[in-house]
Amino acid sequence: MATGRIRKLTDKGFGFIETDKGDLFFHMSALEGVRFEDLSEGQEVEFERGQGPKGPRAENVNVAG
């Protein structure tokens, strides 16, 4: 799995993960084992790279560690 840090969270249920290849979109439906409300900006997460209808996105996102 790839890792990154949450750069931005929105009140609409999505956010962006900062990675070494640029920011990656994620939606709260892609979370595994964590609630969107429990995430914070700067938190390290693990994820799999996927492809959504509007481009690359993070899937199976969970807290690293």
C-alpha atoms as a PDB file:
ATOM      1  CA  MET A   1       0.000   0.000   0.000  1.00  0.00           C
ATOM      2  CA  ALA A   2       1.065   3.576  -0.634  1.00  0.00           C
ATOM      3  CA  THR A   3       1.268   6.140   2.158  1.00  0.00           C
ATOM      4  CA  GLY A   4       0.667   9.862   2.389  1.00  0.00           C
ATOM      5  CA  ARG A   5      -0.615  12.621   4.662  1.00  0.00           C
ATOM      6  CA  ILE A   6      -4.053  14.185   4.621  1.00  0.00           C
ATOM      7  CA  ARG A   7      -3.580  17.661   3.191  1.00  0.00           C
ATOM      8  CA  LYS A   8      -7.189  18.867   3.248  1.00  0.00           C
ATOM      9  CA  LEU A   9     -10.571  17.676   4.520  1.00  0.00           C
ATOM     10  CA  THR A  10     -13.875  19.240   3.492  1.00  0.00           C
ATOM     11  CA  ASP A  11     -17.270  19.368   5.174  1.00  0.00           C
ATOM     12  CA  LYS A  12     -18.706  17.584   2.122  1.00  0.00           C
ATOM     13  CA  GLY A  13     -17.152  14.186   2.877  1.00  0.00           C
ATOM     14  CA  PHE A  14     -14.048  14.211   0.742  1.00  0.00           C
ATOM     15  CA  GLY A  15     -10.444  15.259   1.009  1.00  0.00           C
ATOM     16  CA  PHE A  16      -6.991  15.176  -0.525  1.00  0.00           C
ATOM     17  CA  ILE A  17      -3.950  13.111   0.373  1.00  0.00           C
ATOM     18  CA  GLU A  18      -0.501  14.599  -0.206  1.00  0.00           C
ATOM     19  CA  THR A  19       1.776  12.026  -1.867  1.00  0.00           C
ATOM     20  CA  ASP A  20       5.200  12.067  -3.484  1.00  0.00           C
ATOM     21  CA  LYS A  21       3.411  12.097  -6.860  1.00  0.00           C
ATOM     22  CA  GLY A  22       1.051  14.978  -6.063  1.00  0.00           C
ATOM     23  CA  ASP A  23      -2.293  15.266  -4.311  1.00  0.00           C
ATOM     24  CA  LEU A  24      -4.809  12.449  -4.583  1.00  0.00           C
ATOM     25  CA  PHE A  25      -8.579  12.808  -4.101  1.00  0.00           C
ATOM     26  CA  PHE A  26     -10.486  10.505  -1.740  1.00  0.00           C
ATOM     27  CA  HIS A  27     -14.151  10.207  -0.763  1.00  0.00           C
ATOM     28  CA  MET A  28     -15.447   9.093   2.622  1.00  0.00           C
ATOM     29  CA  SER A  29     -16.879   5.953   0.957  1.00  0.00           C
ATOM     30  CA  ALA A  30     -13.255   4.829   0.334  1.00  0.00           C
ATOM     31  CA  LEU A  31     -12.421   4.653   4.068  1.00  0.00           C
ATOM     32  CA  GLU A  32     -11.655   1.313   5.730  1.00  0.00           C
ATOM     33  CA  GLY A  33     -11.799   0.925   9.505  1.00  0.00           C
ATOM     34  CA  VAL A  34     -12.019   4.646  10.280  1.00  0.00           C
ATOM     35  CA  ARG A  35     -14.794   7.241  10.202  1.00  0.00           C
ATOM     36  CA  PHE A  36     -14.376  10.422   8.170  1.00  0.00           C
ATOM     37  CA  GLU A  37     -15.101  12.477  11.301  1.00  0.00           C
ATOM     38  CA  ASP A  38     -12.110  10.869  13.072  1.00  0.00           C
ATOM     39  CA  LEU A  39      -9.567  11.970  10.449  1.00  0.00           C
ATOM     40  CA  SER A  40      -7.471  15.117  10.788  1.00  0.00           C
ATOM     41  CA  GLU A  41      -5.306  17.139   8.441  1.00  0.00           C
ATOM     42  CA  GLY A  42      -1.649  16.085   8.648  1.00  0.00           C
ATOM     43  CA  GLN A  43      -2.557  12.516   9.643  1.00  0.00           C
ATOM     44  CA  GLU A  44      -0.642   9.728   7.906  1.00  0.00           C
ATOM     45  CA  VAL A  45      -2.762   7.256   5.943  1.00  0.00           C
ATOM     46  CA  GLU A  46      -2.301   4.184   3.768  1.00  0.00           C
ATOM     47  CA  PHE A  47      -4.241   3.689   0.547  1.00  0.00           C
ATOM     48  CA  GLU A  48      -4.381   1.991  -2.816  1.00  0.00           C
ATOM     49  CA  ARG A  49      -4.300   4.024  -6.010  1.00  0.00           C
ATOM     50  CA  GLY A  50      -7.441   3.697  -8.079  1.00  0.00           C
ATOM     51  CA  GLN A  51      -9.222   5.322 -10.975  1.00  0.00           C
ATOM     52  CA  GLY A  52     -12.536   7.117 -10.601  1.00  0.00           C
ATOM     53  CA  PRO A  53     -14.858   8.691 -13.168  1.00  0.00           C
ATOM     54  CA  LYS A  54     -13.006  12.019 -12.852  1.00  0.00           C
ATOM     55  CA  GLY A  55      -9.442  10.688 -12.653  1.00  0.00           C
ATOM     56  CA  PRO A  56      -7.048   9.131 -10.136  1.00  0.00           C
ATOM     57  CA  ARG A  57      -8.263   8.657  -6.570  1.00  0.00           C
ATOM     58  CA  ALA A  58      -7.330   6.904  -3.342  1.00  0.00           C
ATOM     59  CA  GLU A  59      -9.221   3.742  -2.392  1.00  0.00           C
ATOM     60  CA  ASN A  60      -9.216   1.529   0.723  1.00  0.00           C
ATOM     61  CA  VAL A  61      -7.927   4.446   2.831  1.00  0.00           C
ATOM     62  CA  ASN A  62      -7.021   3.689   6.444  1.00  0.00           C
ATOM     63  CA  VAL A  63      -4.889   5.213   9.191  1.00  0.00           C
ATOM     64  CA  ALA A  64      -1.216   4.216   8.911  1.00  0.00           C
ATOM     65  CA  GLY A  65       0.339   2.234  11.710  1.00  0.00           C
END
